[in-house]
Amino acid sequence: MQAEVPEAVDLTKESPATLDLYGVKITDKGLQYLRKLTKLKELNLLGAQITDESAAILAQFKELRELNL
């Protein structure tokens, strides 16, 4: 008996308000995939491997009120 794999959530349609990526080794390149999450208010990137290059991407989150790096 195989377990059913849940369908992926399309985050471009339902942008979460909070995203916790604590401990995820996300890089500058990986952060680009979050661009479409336009309604983010809280973003936790503690442990991320990002550089100053990501500042332009983070600046696009106009509703962002809390950022943990």
C-alpha atoms as a PDB file:
ATOM      1  CA  MET A   1       0.000   0.000   0.000  1.00  0.00           C
ATOM      2  CA  GLN A   2       1.446   3.350  -1.039  1.00  0.00           C
ATOM      3  CA  ALA A   3       0.918   6.538   0.890  1.00  0.00           C
ATOM      4  CA  GLU A   4      -0.690   9.338  -1.039  1.00  0.00           C
ATOM      5  CA  VAL A   5       1.496  12.334  -1.767  1.00  0.00           C
ATOM      6  CA  PRO A   6      -0.287  15.607  -1.025  1.00  0.00           C
ATOM      7  CA  GLU A   7      -0.524  18.141  -3.820  1.00  0.00           C
ATOM      8  CA  ALA A   8       1.880  21.057  -3.706  1.00  0.00           C
ATOM      9  CA  VAL A   9       0.443  24.341  -2.546  1.00  0.00           C
ATOM     10  CA  ASP A  10       0.650  27.153  -5.077  1.00  0.00           C
ATOM     11  CA  LEU A  11       2.026  29.930  -2.889  1.00  0.00           C
ATOM     12  CA  THR A  12       1.625  32.500  -5.641  1.00  0.00           C
ATOM     13  CA  LYS A  13      -2.144  32.304  -5.178  1.00  0.00           C
ATOM     14  CA  GLU A  14      -2.155  32.067  -1.394  1.00  0.00           C
ATOM     15  CA  SER A  15       0.857  33.990  -0.173  1.00  0.00           C
ATOM     16  CA  PRO A  16       1.439  33.266   3.515  1.00  0.00           C
ATOM     17  CA  ALA A  17       1.859  36.127   5.977  1.00  0.00           C
ATOM     18  CA  THR A  18       4.582  34.286   7.907  1.00  0.00           C
ATOM     19  CA  LEU A  19       7.398  32.096   6.641  1.00  0.00           C
ATOM     20  CA  ASP A  20       9.825  30.418   9.031  1.00  0.00           C
ATOM     21  CA  LEU A  21      12.939  29.073   7.322  1.00  0.00           C
ATOM     22  CA  TYR A  22      14.980  28.812  10.514  1.00  0.00           C
ATOM     23  CA  GLY A  23      17.993  26.578   9.951  1.00  0.00           C
ATOM     24  CA  VAL A  24      17.355  26.181   6.227  1.00  0.00           C
ATOM     25  CA  LYS A  25      20.583  26.768   4.335  1.00  0.00           C
ATOM     26  CA  ILE A  26      18.902  28.995   1.756  1.00  0.00           C
ATOM     27  CA  THR A  27      21.269  30.991  -0.472  1.00  0.00           C
ATOM     28  CA  ASP A  28      20.930  34.174  -2.526  1.00  0.00           C
ATOM     29  CA  LYS A  29      19.823  32.066  -5.481  1.00  0.00           C
ATOM     30  CA  GLY A  30      17.229  30.221  -3.426  1.00  0.00           C
ATOM     31  CA  LEU A  31      15.837  33.423  -1.972  1.00  0.00           C
ATOM     32  CA  GLN A  32      14.849  34.516  -5.472  1.00  0.00           C
ATOM     33  CA  TYR A  33      12.129  31.847  -5.440  1.00  0.00           C
ATOM     34  CA  LEU A  34      10.383  33.683  -2.620  1.00  0.00           C
ATOM     35  CA  ARG A  35       9.815  36.847  -4.697  1.00  0.00           C
ATOM     36  CA  LYS A  36       6.206  35.963  -5.469  1.00  0.00           C
ATOM     37  CA  LEU A  37       5.294  35.818  -1.793  1.00  0.00           C
ATOM     38  CA  THR A  38       4.220  39.440  -1.861  1.00  0.00           C
ATOM     39  CA  LYS A  39       2.118  39.371   1.307  1.00  0.00           C
ATOM     40  CA  LEU A  40       4.860  38.276   3.687  1.00  0.00           C
ATOM     41  CA  LYS A  41       4.767  40.168   6.956  1.00  0.00           C
ATOM     42  CA  GLU A  42       7.230  38.008   8.923  1.00  0.00           C
ATOM     43  CA  LEU A  43      10.248  36.180   7.518  1.00  0.00           C
ATOM     44  CA  ASN A  44      12.708  34.145   9.556  1.00  0.00           C
ATOM     45  CA  LEU A  45      15.979  33.415   7.745  1.00  0.00           C
ATOM     46  CA  LEU A  46      18.150  32.608  10.773  1.00  0.00           C
ATOM     47  CA  GLY A  47      20.892  30.276   9.584  1.00  0.00           C
ATOM     48  CA  ALA A  48      20.491  31.282   5.939  1.00  0.00           C
ATOM     49  CA  GLN A  49      23.567  31.612   3.779  1.00  0.00           C
ATOM     50  CA  ILE A  50      22.645  34.861   2.085  1.00  0.00           C
ATOM     51  CA  THR A  51      24.811  37.874   1.302  1.00  0.00           C
ATOM     52  CA  ASP A  52      24.236  41.550   0.561  1.00  0.00           C
ATOM     53  CA  GLU A  53      23.038  40.467  -2.901  1.00  0.00           C
ATOM     54  CA  SER A  54      19.731  39.464  -1.326  1.00  0.00           C
ATOM     55  CA  ALA A  55      18.983  42.979  -0.057  1.00  0.00           C
ATOM     56  CA  ALA A  56      17.278  43.900  -3.339  1.00  0.00           C
ATOM     57  CA  ILE A  57      15.001  40.875  -3.099  1.00  0.00           C
ATOM     58  CA  LEU A  58      14.148  41.532   0.543  1.00  0.00           C
ATOM     59  CA  ALA A  59      13.345  45.163  -0.291  1.00  0.00           C
ATOM     60  CA  GLN A  60      10.557  43.951  -2.610  1.00  0.00           C
ATOM     61  CA  PHE A  61       8.538  42.652   0.343  1.00  0.00           C
ATOM     62  CA  LYS A  62       6.611  45.882   0.924  1.00  0.00           C
ATOM     63  CA  GLU A  63       4.440  44.428   3.714  1.00  0.00           C
ATOM     64  CA  LEU A  64       7.363  42.875   5.629  1.00  0.00           C
ATOM     65  CA  ARG A  65       7.353  44.022   9.249  1.00  0.00           C
ATOM     66  CA  GLU A  66       9.683  41.482  10.868  1.00  0.00           C
ATOM     67  CA  LEU A  67      12.880  39.998   9.433  1.00  0.00           C
ATOM     68  CA  ASN A  68      15.211  37.688  11.323  1.00  0.00           C
ATOM     69  CA  LEU A  69      18.635  37.109   9.795  1.00  0.00           C
END
